[in-house]
Amino acid sequence: MFTGIVEELGEVVGVEELGDSARLTLRGPLVTSDAVHGASIAVNGVCLTVVDVVDGVFSADVMRETLVRSSLGALRVGDRVNLERPVALSSRLGGHIVQGHVDGTGQIVSRTPGDRWEVVRVQVPAGLGRYVVEKGSITLDGVSLTVSAVGEGWLEVSLIPATLEATTLGSKGPGAPVNLEVDVLAKYVESLLGPRGAA
């Protein structure tokens, strides 16, 4: 479980294609400071399991399902990534409940600068829009954000200077993909209100 508060901008240092899976090697001295084999680290919002960790660098396997649903398959050596360790039960929940289970990818449509922030519009895939509400929570590339506006097939978020500086969202332009995780509470409510016995 994560909170969507990015701890560190990491870097991809290796990508190994393994047929229908891949192994990513990433540099992240902060998030690996207490990591061990089997630990979880969110990479651009995707919960991955640490396979190896040495001197601030860790490797993780990415299965086909994750490559299909997220943008991790497009990562290349040198790319920057948002990294977060799981939340400790004794910690404050600074963002919102984030599982690290990406629902799909969106695409940045536009960026509108303000005095000290930017409004970013993101295209939302069909089927996910029903979980997005104005002033609700959304996770973009692992960053917990508040939806500032929503329309047919899109949402907007407003990025403050800290988010622009500390995450990959500060440098992604129109056309760039972003991993989306909708609020899990919305999905549970939908399931509970559906027809009894429906899958």
N, C-alpha and C. Protein backbone atom coordinates (compact mmCIF):
# COMPACT_ATOMS: atom_id res chain seq x y z
N MET A 1 0.84 -1.19 0.00
CA MET A 1 0.00 0.00 0.00
C MET A 1 0.88 1.24 0.00
N PHE A 2 0.48 2.24 -0.80
CA PHE A 2 1.26 3.46 -0.94
C PHE A 2 0.34 4.66 -0.69
N THR A 3 0.92 5.86 -0.71
CA THR A 3 0.12 7.06 -0.50
C THR A 3 0.17 8.01 -1.68
N GLY A 4 1.02 7.73 -2.67
CA GLY A 4 1.13 8.62 -3.81
C GLY A 4 1.99 9.84 -3.55
N ILE A 5 2.80 9.80 -2.49
CA ILE A 5 3.75 10.87 -2.20
C ILE A 5 5.12 10.39 -2.66
N VAL A 6 5.56 10.86 -3.82
CA VAL A 6 6.82 10.39 -4.41
C VAL A 6 7.99 10.76 -3.51
N GLU A 7 8.84 9.78 -3.24
CA GLU A 7 9.99 10.02 -2.37
C GLU A 7 11.25 10.41 -3.12
N GLU A 8 11.33 9.95 -4.37
CA GLU A 8 12.60 10.13 -5.08
C GLU A 8 12.39 10.00 -6.58
N LEU A 9 13.13 10.82 -7.32
CA LEU A 9 13.20 10.64 -8.77
C LEU A 9 14.34 9.67 -9.05
N GLY A 10 14.00 8.49 -9.54
CA GLY A 10 15.01 7.49 -9.85
C GLY A 10 15.38 7.52 -11.32
N GLU A 11 16.24 6.60 -11.70
CA GLU A 11 16.69 6.53 -13.09
C GLU A 11 16.76 5.08 -13.55
N VAL A 12 16.29 4.83 -14.76
CA VAL A 12 16.39 3.50 -15.35
C VAL A 12 17.84 3.29 -15.81
N VAL A 13 18.47 2.24 -15.31
CA VAL A 13 19.86 1.96 -15.70
C VAL A 13 19.98 0.67 -16.50
N GLY A 14 18.88 -0.09 -16.60
CA GLY A 14 18.91 -1.31 -17.40
C GLY A 14 17.52 -1.80 -17.74
N VAL A 15 17.34 -2.28 -18.96
CA VAL A 15 16.08 -2.89 -19.41
C VAL A 15 16.42 -4.17 -20.13
N GLU A 16 15.94 -5.30 -19.61
CA GLU A 16 16.19 -6.60 -20.23
C GLU A 16 14.86 -7.18 -20.70
N GLU A 17 14.70 -7.33 -22.01
CA GLU A 17 13.49 -7.92 -22.58
C GLU A 17 13.55 -9.43 -22.41
N LEU A 18 12.48 -10.01 -21.87
CA LEU A 18 12.45 -11.45 -21.59
C LEU A 18 11.21 -12.09 -22.20
N GLY A 19 11.02 -11.88 -23.50
CA GLY A 19 9.84 -12.45 -24.16
C GLY A 19 8.60 -11.70 -23.77
N ASP A 20 7.72 -12.34 -22.97
CA ASP A 20 6.48 -11.67 -22.56
C ASP A 20 6.63 -10.99 -21.20
N SER A 21 7.86 -10.78 -20.76
CA SER A 21 8.12 -10.05 -19.52
C SER A 21 9.40 -9.24 -19.70
N ALA A 22 9.77 -8.51 -18.67
CA ALA A 22 10.99 -7.72 -18.72
C ALA A 22 11.57 -7.59 -17.33
N ARG A 23 12.86 -7.30 -17.26
CA ARG A 23 13.49 -6.99 -15.98
C ARG A 23 14.03 -5.58 -16.06
N LEU A 24 13.57 -4.74 -15.12
CA LEU A 24 14.03 -3.36 -15.03
C LEU A 24 15.07 -3.24 -13.93
N THR A 25 16.11 -2.46 -14.20
CA THR A 25 17.10 -2.14 -13.18
C THR A 25 17.09 -0.63 -13.02
N LEU A 26 16.92 -0.18 -11.77
CA LEU A 26 16.71 1.24 -11.51
C LEU A 26 17.58 1.73 -10.36
N ARG A 27 18.02 2.97 -10.48
CA ARG A 27 18.81 3.60 -9.41
C ARG A 27 17.89 4.44 -8.54
N GLY A 28 17.95 4.17 -7.22
CA GLY A 28 17.15 4.93 -6.26
C GLY A 28 17.74 4.77 -4.88
N PRO A 29 18.77 5.54 -4.54
CA PRO A 29 19.46 5.38 -3.26
C PRO A 29 18.56 5.51 -2.03
N LEU A 30 17.58 6.42 -2.08
CA LEU A 30 16.71 6.61 -0.93
C LEU A 30 15.79 5.42 -0.72
N VAL A 31 15.07 5.02 -1.78
CA VAL A 31 14.08 3.95 -1.62
C VAL A 31 14.72 2.59 -1.40
N THR A 32 16.00 2.45 -1.75
CA THR A 32 16.68 1.16 -1.52
C THR A 32 17.44 1.15 -0.20
N SER A 33 17.41 2.25 0.55
CA SER A 33 18.19 2.32 1.78
C SER A 33 17.79 1.26 2.80
N ASP A 34 16.54 0.81 2.76
CA ASP A 34 16.10 -0.24 3.67
C ASP A 34 15.43 -1.39 2.91
N ALA A 35 15.66 -1.44 1.60
CA ALA A 35 15.01 -2.47 0.77
C ALA A 35 15.78 -3.79 0.85
N VAL A 36 15.02 -4.88 0.78
CA VAL A 36 15.59 -6.23 0.75
C VAL A 36 14.88 -7.00 -0.35
N HIS A 37 15.42 -8.16 -0.68
CA HIS A 37 14.77 -9.03 -1.65
C HIS A 37 13.33 -9.28 -1.23
N GLY A 38 12.39 -9.08 -2.14
CA GLY A 38 10.98 -9.30 -1.85
C GLY A 38 10.23 -8.04 -1.41
N ALA A 39 10.94 -6.95 -1.19
CA ALA A 39 10.29 -5.70 -0.80
C ALA A 39 9.53 -5.12 -1.99
N SER A 40 8.60 -4.23 -1.71
CA SER A 40 7.84 -3.56 -2.76
C SER A 40 8.32 -2.12 -2.93
N ILE A 41 8.39 -1.68 -4.18
CA ILE A 41 8.68 -0.29 -4.50
C ILE A 41 7.78 0.09 -5.67
N ALA A 42 7.11 1.23 -5.56
CA ALA A 42 6.27 1.72 -6.65
C ALA A 42 7.14 2.48 -7.65
N VAL A 43 7.05 2.09 -8.92
CA VAL A 43 7.79 2.72 -10.02
C VAL A 43 6.77 3.33 -10.97
N ASN A 44 6.72 4.65 -11.02
CA ASN A 44 5.69 5.35 -11.81
C ASN A 44 4.29 4.83 -11.48
N GLY A 45 4.10 4.53 -10.20
CA GLY A 45 2.79 4.10 -9.74
C GLY A 45 2.51 2.62 -9.82
N VAL A 46 3.48 1.84 -10.30
CA VAL A 46 3.30 0.40 -10.42
C VAL A 46 4.06 -0.29 -9.30
N CYS A 47 3.36 -1.08 -8.50
CA CYS A 47 4.00 -1.81 -7.41
C CYS A 47 4.83 -2.96 -7.99
N LEU A 48 6.14 -2.90 -7.77
CA LEU A 48 7.05 -3.95 -8.23
C LEU A 48 7.76 -4.58 -7.05
N THR A 49 8.16 -5.84 -7.22
CA THR A 49 8.86 -6.58 -6.18
C THR A 49 10.35 -6.57 -6.45
N VAL A 50 11.11 -6.19 -5.44
CA VAL A 50 12.57 -6.13 -5.56
C VAL A 50 13.14 -7.55 -5.68
N VAL A 51 13.91 -7.76 -6.74
CA VAL A 51 14.57 -9.06 -6.94
C VAL A 51 16.00 -9.00 -6.40
N ASP A 52 16.72 -7.95 -6.78
CA ASP A 52 18.10 -7.74 -6.31
C ASP A 52 18.24 -6.28 -5.91
N VAL A 53 19.10 -6.02 -4.94
CA VAL A 53 19.40 -4.64 -4.56
C VAL A 53 20.87 -4.56 -4.13
N VAL A 54 21.63 -3.67 -4.77
CA VAL A 54 23.05 -3.48 -4.47
C VAL A 54 23.40 -2.00 -4.67
N ASP A 55 23.96 -1.39 -3.63
CA ASP A 55 24.50 -0.04 -3.73
C ASP A 55 23.55 0.96 -4.38
N GLY A 56 22.32 0.99 -3.90
CA GLY A 56 21.36 1.98 -4.38
C GLY A 56 20.69 1.65 -5.70
N VAL A 57 20.94 0.46 -6.22
CA VAL A 57 20.34 0.02 -7.49
C VAL A 57 19.54 -1.25 -7.23
N PHE A 58 18.31 -1.30 -7.77
CA PHE A 58 17.50 -2.50 -7.59
C PHE A 58 16.95 -2.99 -8.92
N SER A 59 16.64 -4.27 -8.97
CA SER A 59 16.03 -4.88 -10.16
C SER A 59 14.67 -5.44 -9.79
N ALA A 60 13.77 -5.42 -10.77
CA ALA A 60 12.42 -5.95 -10.57
C ALA A 60 11.92 -6.54 -11.87
N ASP A 61 11.18 -7.64 -11.76
CA ASP A 61 10.59 -8.27 -12.93
C ASP A 61 9.21 -7.68 -13.20
N VAL A 62 8.89 -7.49 -14.48
CA VAL A 62 7.60 -6.92 -14.88
C VAL A 62 6.93 -7.92 -15.80
N MET A 63 5.77 -8.45 -15.37
CA MET A 63 5.09 -9.47 -16.16
C MET A 63 4.26 -8.82 -17.28
N ARG A 64 3.79 -9.66 -18.20
CA ARG A 64 3.07 -9.19 -19.38
C ARG A 64 1.87 -8.33 -19.03
N GLU A 65 1.08 -8.75 -18.05
CA GLU A 65 -0.12 -7.99 -17.65
C GLU A 65 0.24 -6.55 -17.30
N THR A 66 1.34 -6.37 -16.58
CA THR A 66 1.77 -5.03 -16.19
C THR A 66 2.28 -4.25 -17.39
N LEU A 67 3.00 -4.91 -18.28
CA LEU A 67 3.50 -4.24 -19.49
C LEU A 67 2.35 -3.76 -20.37
N VAL A 68 1.26 -4.54 -20.41
CA VAL A 68 0.10 -4.18 -21.23
C VAL A 68 -0.68 -3.03 -20.62
N ARG A 69 -0.86 -3.04 -19.31
CA ARG A 69 -1.71 -2.05 -18.64
C ARG A 69 -1.01 -0.74 -18.31
N SER A 70 0.31 -0.75 -18.28
CA SER A 70 1.05 0.43 -17.86
C SER A 70 2.01 0.89 -18.95
N SER A 71 2.73 1.97 -18.65
CA SER A 71 3.72 2.50 -19.60
C SER A 71 5.12 1.99 -19.30
N LEU A 72 5.26 1.04 -18.39
CA LEU A 72 6.60 0.56 -18.03
C LEU A 72 7.32 -0.09 -19.21
N GLY A 73 6.58 -0.69 -20.13
CA GLY A 73 7.20 -1.34 -21.29
C GLY A 73 7.90 -0.37 -22.21
N ALA A 74 7.59 0.92 -22.10
CA ALA A 74 8.21 1.93 -22.95
C ALA A 74 9.43 2.57 -22.32
N LEU A 75 9.76 2.18 -21.08
CA LEU A 75 10.92 2.78 -20.40
C LEU A 75 12.21 2.38 -21.09
N ARG A 76 13.13 3.32 -21.14
CA ARG A 76 14.45 3.10 -21.72
C ARG A 76 15.53 3.59 -20.76
N VAL A 77 16.74 3.11 -20.93
CA VAL A 77 17.86 3.52 -20.08
C VAL A 77 17.99 5.04 -20.11
N GLY A 78 18.11 5.61 -18.94
CA GLY A 78 18.23 7.06 -18.81
C GLY A 78 16.94 7.75 -18.44
N ASP A 79 15.79 7.08 -18.60
CA ASP A 79 14.51 7.68 -18.24
C ASP A 79 14.43 7.89 -16.73
N ARG A 80 13.79 8.98 -16.33
CA ARG A 80 13.54 9.24 -14.92
C ARG A 80 12.21 8.62 -14.53
N VAL A 81 12.11 8.16 -13.29
CA VAL A 81 10.89 7.51 -12.80
C VAL A 81 10.58 7.98 -11.38
N ASN A 82 9.30 7.99 -11.05
CA ASN A 82 8.86 8.31 -9.70
C ASN A 82 8.95 7.06 -8.84
N LEU A 83 9.57 7.18 -7.66
CA LEU A 83 9.75 6.04 -6.78
C LEU A 83 9.14 6.32 -5.41
N GLU A 84 8.50 5.29 -4.84
CA GLU A 84 7.93 5.40 -3.50
C GLU A 84 7.97 4.04 -2.82
N ARG A 85 8.36 4.05 -1.55
CA ARG A 85 8.29 2.83 -0.74
C ARG A 85 6.88 2.68 -0.16
N PRO A 86 6.50 1.46 0.24
CA PRO A 86 5.18 1.27 0.86
C PRO A 86 5.07 2.10 2.14
N VAL A 87 3.85 2.49 2.45
CA VAL A 87 3.61 3.27 3.67
C VAL A 87 3.72 2.36 4.89
N ALA A 88 4.33 2.89 5.94
CA ALA A 88 4.38 2.16 7.22
C ALA A 88 3.09 2.45 7.98
N LEU A 89 2.61 1.49 8.76
CA LEU A 89 1.35 1.67 9.49
C LEU A 89 1.42 2.83 10.47
N SER A 90 2.62 3.21 10.87
CA SER A 90 2.78 4.31 11.82
C SER A 90 2.90 5.67 11.15
N SER A 91 2.87 5.69 9.80
CA SER A 91 3.06 6.94 9.06
C SER A 91 1.74 7.67 8.84
N ARG A 92 1.85 8.98 8.53
CA ARG A 92 0.69 9.75 8.14
C ARG A 92 0.32 9.40 6.69
N LEU A 93 -0.96 9.40 6.40
CA LEU A 93 -1.43 9.14 5.04
C LEU A 93 -1.48 10.48 4.32
N GLY A 94 -0.33 10.88 3.74
CA GLY A 94 -0.20 12.20 3.15
C GLY A 94 -0.98 12.40 1.87
N GLY A 95 -1.15 11.35 1.09
CA GLY A 95 -1.89 11.45 -0.17
C GLY A 95 -3.25 10.81 -0.03
N HIS A 96 -3.43 9.66 -0.69
CA HIS A 96 -4.63 8.85 -0.51
C HIS A 96 -4.24 7.39 -0.65
N ILE A 97 -5.18 6.48 -0.46
CA ILE A 97 -4.87 5.06 -0.52
C ILE A 97 -4.57 4.67 -1.96
N VAL A 98 -3.33 4.28 -2.20
CA VAL A 98 -2.85 3.89 -3.53
C VAL A 98 -2.35 2.46 -3.46
N GLN A 99 -2.85 1.60 -4.32
CA GLN A 99 -2.46 0.19 -4.29
C GLN A 99 -1.22 -0.12 -5.13
N GLY A 100 -0.94 0.73 -6.10
CA GLY A 100 0.13 0.40 -7.03
C GLY A 100 -0.34 -0.55 -8.11
N HIS A 101 -1.67 -0.65 -8.28
CA HIS A 101 -2.28 -1.50 -9.30
C HIS A 101 -2.85 -0.59 -10.39
N VAL A 102 -2.08 -0.36 -11.43
CA VAL A 102 -2.47 0.57 -12.48
C VAL A 102 -3.67 0.05 -13.26
N ASP A 103 -4.65 0.94 -13.48
CA ASP A 103 -5.86 0.56 -14.20
C ASP A 103 -5.72 0.74 -15.71
N GLY A 104 -4.81 1.59 -16.13
CA GLY A 104 -4.62 1.84 -17.56
C GLY A 104 -3.72 3.05 -17.74
N THR A 105 -3.51 3.42 -18.99
CA THR A 105 -2.68 4.59 -19.27
C THR A 105 -3.53 5.67 -19.93
N GLY A 106 -3.24 6.90 -19.54
CA GLY A 106 -3.83 8.06 -20.18
C GLY A 106 -2.75 8.77 -20.96
N GLN A 107 -3.10 9.90 -21.53
CA GLN A 107 -2.14 10.67 -22.32
C GLN A 107 -2.32 12.14 -22.00
N ILE A 108 -1.20 12.83 -21.78
CA ILE A 108 -1.28 14.26 -21.53
C ILE A 108 -1.74 14.95 -22.80
N VAL A 109 -2.80 15.76 -22.66
CA VAL A 109 -3.38 16.47 -23.80
C VAL A 109 -2.81 17.88 -23.89
N SER A 110 -2.73 18.55 -22.74
CA SER A 110 -2.24 19.93 -22.74
C SER A 110 -1.72 20.32 -21.37
N ARG A 111 -0.91 21.38 -21.36
CA ARG A 111 -0.39 21.97 -20.12
C ARG A 111 -0.64 23.47 -20.21
N THR A 112 -1.29 24.01 -19.18
CA THR A 112 -1.57 25.44 -19.14
C THR A 112 -0.88 26.05 -17.92
N PRO A 113 0.15 26.88 -18.14
CA PRO A 113 0.88 27.44 -17.00
C PRO A 113 0.09 28.52 -16.28
N GLY A 114 0.23 28.55 -14.94
CA GLY A 114 -0.32 29.63 -14.13
C GLY A 114 0.84 30.44 -13.57
N ASP A 115 0.58 31.23 -12.55
CA ASP A 115 1.64 32.04 -11.95
C ASP A 115 2.75 31.17 -11.35
N ARG A 116 2.31 30.15 -10.59
CA ARG A 116 3.29 29.28 -9.94
C ARG A 116 2.91 27.80 -10.05
N TRP A 117 1.99 27.49 -10.91
CA TRP A 117 1.54 26.11 -11.05
C TRP A 117 1.19 25.86 -12.51
N GLU A 118 0.81 24.63 -12.80
CA GLU A 118 0.36 24.29 -14.15
C GLU A 118 -0.89 23.43 -14.07
N VAL A 119 -1.81 23.68 -14.97
CA VAL A 119 -2.99 22.83 -15.11
C VAL A 119 -2.70 21.84 -16.23
N VAL A 120 -2.80 20.56 -15.92
CA VAL A 120 -2.50 19.52 -16.89
C VAL A 120 -3.79 18.75 -17.20
N ARG A 121 -4.11 18.67 -18.49
CA ARG A 121 -5.28 17.89 -18.92
C ARG A 121 -4.81 16.54 -19.43
N VAL A 122 -5.49 15.49 -19.00
CA VAL A 122 -5.13 14.12 -19.34
C VAL A 122 -6.32 13.41 -19.95
N GLN A 123 -6.09 12.76 -21.09
CA GLN A 123 -7.13 11.93 -21.71
C GLN A 123 -7.28 10.67 -20.87
N VAL A 124 -8.53 10.30 -20.59
CA VAL A 124 -8.83 9.13 -19.76
C VAL A 124 -9.42 8.04 -20.64
N PRO A 125 -8.88 6.81 -20.56
CA PRO A 125 -9.41 5.72 -21.39
C PRO A 125 -10.88 5.43 -21.10
N ALA A 126 -11.58 4.97 -22.12
CA ALA A 126 -12.98 4.56 -21.95
C ALA A 126 -13.07 3.51 -20.86
N GLY A 127 -14.05 3.66 -20.01
CA GLY A 127 -14.24 2.69 -18.93
C GLY A 127 -13.69 3.15 -17.59
N LEU A 128 -12.78 4.13 -17.60
CA LEU A 128 -12.23 4.61 -16.33
C LEU A 128 -12.84 5.93 -15.90
N GLY A 129 -13.43 6.66 -16.85
CA GLY A 129 -13.98 7.96 -16.53
C GLY A 129 -15.04 7.94 -15.46
N ARG A 130 -15.79 6.85 -15.35
CA ARG A 130 -16.87 6.79 -14.37
C ARG A 130 -16.36 6.79 -12.93
N TYR A 131 -15.06 6.51 -12.75
CA TYR A 131 -14.49 6.51 -11.40
C TYR A 131 -13.86 7.85 -11.03
N VAL A 132 -13.91 8.81 -11.94
CA VAL A 132 -13.24 10.10 -11.71
C VAL A 132 -14.28 11.17 -11.43
N VAL A 133 -14.11 11.88 -10.30
CA VAL A 133 -15.02 12.96 -9.94
C VAL A 133 -14.21 14.21 -9.57
N GLU A 134 -14.79 15.36 -9.83
CA GLU A 134 -14.14 16.61 -9.46
C GLU A 134 -13.92 16.65 -7.95
N LYS A 135 -12.72 17.05 -7.56
CA LYS A 135 -12.26 17.10 -6.16
C LYS A 135 -12.01 15.72 -5.58
N GLY A 136 -12.11 14.68 -6.39
CA GLY A 136 -11.74 13.35 -5.95
C GLY A 136 -10.25 13.12 -6.14
N SER A 137 -9.79 11.93 -5.79
CA SER A 137 -8.37 11.59 -5.90
C SER A 137 -8.09 10.77 -7.14
N ILE A 138 -6.92 10.99 -7.71
CA ILE A 138 -6.44 10.22 -8.86
C ILE A 138 -4.93 10.06 -8.70
N THR A 139 -4.40 8.96 -9.21
CA THR A 139 -2.95 8.77 -9.19
C THR A 139 -2.44 8.79 -10.62
N LEU A 140 -1.52 9.72 -10.91
CA LEU A 140 -0.88 9.81 -12.22
C LEU A 140 0.60 9.50 -12.05
N ASP A 141 1.07 8.43 -12.69
CA ASP A 141 2.47 8.01 -12.57
C ASP A 141 2.90 7.91 -11.12
N GLY A 142 1.98 7.46 -10.27
CA GLY A 142 2.31 7.25 -8.86
C GLY A 142 2.17 8.47 -7.99
N VAL A 143 1.69 9.59 -8.55
CA VAL A 143 1.55 10.83 -7.79
C VAL A 143 0.09 11.02 -7.39
N SER A 144 -0.16 11.14 -6.11
CA SER A 144 -1.51 11.40 -5.61
C SER A 144 -1.90 12.84 -5.90
N LEU A 145 -3.01 13.01 -6.63
CA LEU A 145 -3.45 14.34 -7.04
C LEU A 145 -4.95 14.49 -6.85
N THR A 146 -5.38 15.74 -6.75
CA THR A 146 -6.80 16.06 -6.68
C THR A 146 -7.29 16.47 -8.07
N VAL A 147 -8.38 15.87 -8.48
CA VAL A 147 -8.97 16.22 -9.78
C VAL A 147 -9.58 17.61 -9.67
N SER A 148 -9.09 18.54 -10.50
CA SER A 148 -9.59 19.92 -10.43
C SER A 148 -10.73 20.17 -11.42
N ALA A 149 -10.83 19.35 -12.45
CA ALA A 149 -11.93 19.45 -13.41
C ALA A 149 -12.04 18.13 -14.15
N VAL A 150 -13.24 17.85 -14.64
CA VAL A 150 -13.46 16.60 -15.36
C VAL A 150 -14.47 16.83 -16.48
N GLY A 151 -14.26 16.16 -17.61
CA GLY A 151 -15.18 16.27 -18.73
C GLY A 151 -15.27 14.94 -19.45
N GLU A 152 -15.90 14.93 -20.59
CA GLU A 152 -16.09 13.70 -21.36
C GLU A 152 -14.74 13.22 -21.89
N GLY A 153 -14.20 12.16 -21.28
CA GLY A 153 -12.96 11.56 -21.74
C GLY A 153 -11.69 12.24 -21.25
N TRP A 154 -11.80 13.18 -20.31
CA TRP A 154 -10.60 13.85 -19.81
C TRP A 154 -10.76 14.28 -18.36
N LEU A 155 -9.63 14.53 -17.73
CA LEU A 155 -9.60 15.11 -16.39
C LEU A 155 -8.48 16.14 -16.35
N GLU A 156 -8.56 17.04 -15.39
CA GLU A 156 -7.49 18.01 -15.18
C GLU A 156 -7.01 17.96 -13.74
N VAL A 157 -5.71 18.19 -13.57
CA VAL A 157 -5.10 18.32 -12.25
C VAL A 157 -4.27 19.59 -12.26
N SER A 158 -4.10 20.19 -11.09
CA SER A 158 -3.29 21.38 -10.95
C SER A 158 -2.02 21.02 -10.17
N LEU A 159 -0.87 21.25 -10.79
CA LEU A 159 0.40 20.84 -10.20
C LEU A 159 1.09 22.03 -9.54
N ILE A 160 1.37 21.90 -8.26
CA ILE A 160 2.07 22.94 -7.52
C ILE A 160 3.57 22.84 -7.79
N PRO A 161 4.35 23.87 -7.45
CA PRO A 161 5.78 23.85 -7.71
C PRO A 161 6.50 22.62 -7.16
N ALA A 162 6.13 22.17 -5.97
CA ALA A 162 6.80 21.00 -5.38
C ALA A 162 6.61 19.76 -6.24
N THR A 163 5.41 19.58 -6.79
CA THR A 163 5.14 18.43 -7.65
C THR A 163 5.88 18.56 -8.97
N LEU A 164 5.92 19.76 -9.51
CA LEU A 164 6.62 19.99 -10.77
C LEU A 164 8.11 19.70 -10.64
N GLU A 165 8.68 20.02 -9.48
CA GLU A 165 10.12 19.84 -9.27
C GLU A 165 10.49 18.41 -8.86
N ALA A 166 9.63 17.75 -8.11
CA ALA A 166 10.01 16.48 -7.48
C ALA A 166 9.51 15.24 -8.19
N THR A 167 8.76 15.40 -9.30
CA THR A 167 8.22 14.23 -10.00
C THR A 167 8.42 14.37 -11.51
N THR A 168 8.21 13.28 -12.21
CA THR A 168 8.33 13.29 -13.67
C THR A 168 7.24 14.12 -14.34
N LEU A 169 6.17 14.44 -13.61
CA LEU A 169 5.08 15.21 -14.19
C LEU A 169 5.51 16.62 -14.55
N GLY A 170 6.60 17.09 -13.98
CA GLY A 170 7.09 18.41 -14.29
C GLY A 170 7.67 18.53 -15.68
N SER A 171 8.06 17.42 -16.28
CA SER A 171 8.74 17.47 -17.58
C SER A 171 8.01 16.75 -18.70
N LYS A 172 6.88 16.12 -18.41
CA LYS A 172 6.15 15.39 -19.46
C LYS A 172 5.28 16.34 -20.27
N GLY A 173 5.43 16.30 -21.58
CA GLY A 173 4.67 17.19 -22.45
C GLY A 173 3.47 16.51 -23.08
N PRO A 174 2.70 17.25 -23.86
CA PRO A 174 1.55 16.68 -24.56
C PRO A 174 1.95 15.46 -25.39
N GLY A 175 1.12 14.43 -25.30
CA GLY A 175 1.39 13.18 -26.00
C GLY A 175 2.05 12.14 -25.13
N ALA A 176 2.61 12.55 -24.01
CA ALA A 176 3.30 11.59 -23.12
C ALA A 176 2.28 10.73 -22.39
N PRO A 177 2.58 9.43 -22.23
CA PRO A 177 1.67 8.56 -21.49
C PRO A 177 1.86 8.72 -19.98
N VAL A 178 0.79 8.50 -19.23
CA VAL A 178 0.85 8.48 -17.77
C VAL A 178 0.05 7.30 -17.27
N ASN A 179 0.58 6.64 -16.24
CA ASN A 179 -0.14 5.54 -15.62
C ASN A 179 -1.26 6.09 -14.73
N LEU A 180 -2.44 5.50 -14.85
CA LEU A 180 -3.60 5.94 -14.08
C LEU A 180 -4.03 4.86 -13.10
N GLU A 181 -4.22 5.25 -11.86
CA GLU A 181 -4.88 4.39 -10.88
C GLU A 181 -6.02 5.19 -10.28
N VAL A 182 -7.25 4.75 -10.53
CA VAL A 182 -8.41 5.45 -9.98
C VAL A 182 -8.55 5.08 -8.52
N ASP A 183 -9.37 5.84 -7.82
CA ASP A 183 -9.59 5.61 -6.39
C ASP A 183 -10.25 4.25 -6.18
N VAL A 184 -9.58 3.38 -5.44
CA VAL A 184 -10.10 2.02 -5.23
C VAL A 184 -11.45 2.04 -4.52
N LEU A 185 -11.71 3.06 -3.71
CA LEU A 185 -13.00 3.13 -3.02
C LEU A 185 -14.15 3.23 -4.01
N ALA A 186 -13.94 3.95 -5.11
CA ALA A 186 -14.99 4.07 -6.12
C ALA A 186 -15.30 2.71 -6.74
N LYS A 187 -14.28 1.91 -6.96
CA LYS A 187 -14.50 0.59 -7.58
C LYS A 187 -15.25 -0.34 -6.63
N TYR A 188 -14.93 -0.26 -5.34
CA TYR A 188 -15.64 -1.10 -4.37
C TYR A 188 -17.10 -0.67 -4.25
N VAL A 189 -17.35 0.64 -4.24
CA VAL A 189 -18.73 1.13 -4.16
C VAL A 189 -19.53 0.64 -5.36
N GLU A 190 -18.94 0.74 -6.55
CA GLU A 190 -19.62 0.27 -7.75
C GLU A 190 -19.95 -1.22 -7.65
N SER A 191 -18.98 -2.01 -7.17
CA SER A 191 -19.21 -3.45 -7.05
C SER A 191 -20.31 -3.76 -6.04
N LEU A 192 -20.31 -3.05 -4.90
CA LEU A 192 -21.30 -3.32 -3.87
C LEU A 192 -22.70 -2.89 -4.28
N LEU A 193 -22.80 -1.85 -5.13
CA LEU A 193 -24.11 -1.37 -5.57
C LEU A 193 -24.63 -2.08 -6.80
N GLY A 194 -23.78 -2.95 -7.39
CA GLY A 194 -24.19 -3.68 -8.58
C GLY A 194 -25.18 -4.79 -8.23
N PRO A 195 -25.67 -5.46 -9.26
CA PRO A 195 -26.62 -6.56 -9.03
C PRO A 195 -26.03 -7.61 -8.11
N ARG A 196 -26.82 -8.10 -7.17
CA ARG A 196 -26.34 -9.11 -6.23
C ARG A 196 -25.91 -10.36 -7.01
N GLY A 197 -24.69 -10.79 -6.73
CA GLY A 197 -24.17 -11.98 -7.38
C GLY A 197 -23.44 -11.69 -8.67
N ALA A 198 -23.41 -10.44 -9.10
CA ALA A 198 -22.71 -10.09 -10.35
C ALA A 198 -21.22 -10.18 -10.14
N ALA A 199 -20.51 -10.61 -11.17
CA ALA A 199 -19.05 -10.74 -11.05
C ALA A 199 -18.38 -9.40 -11.23
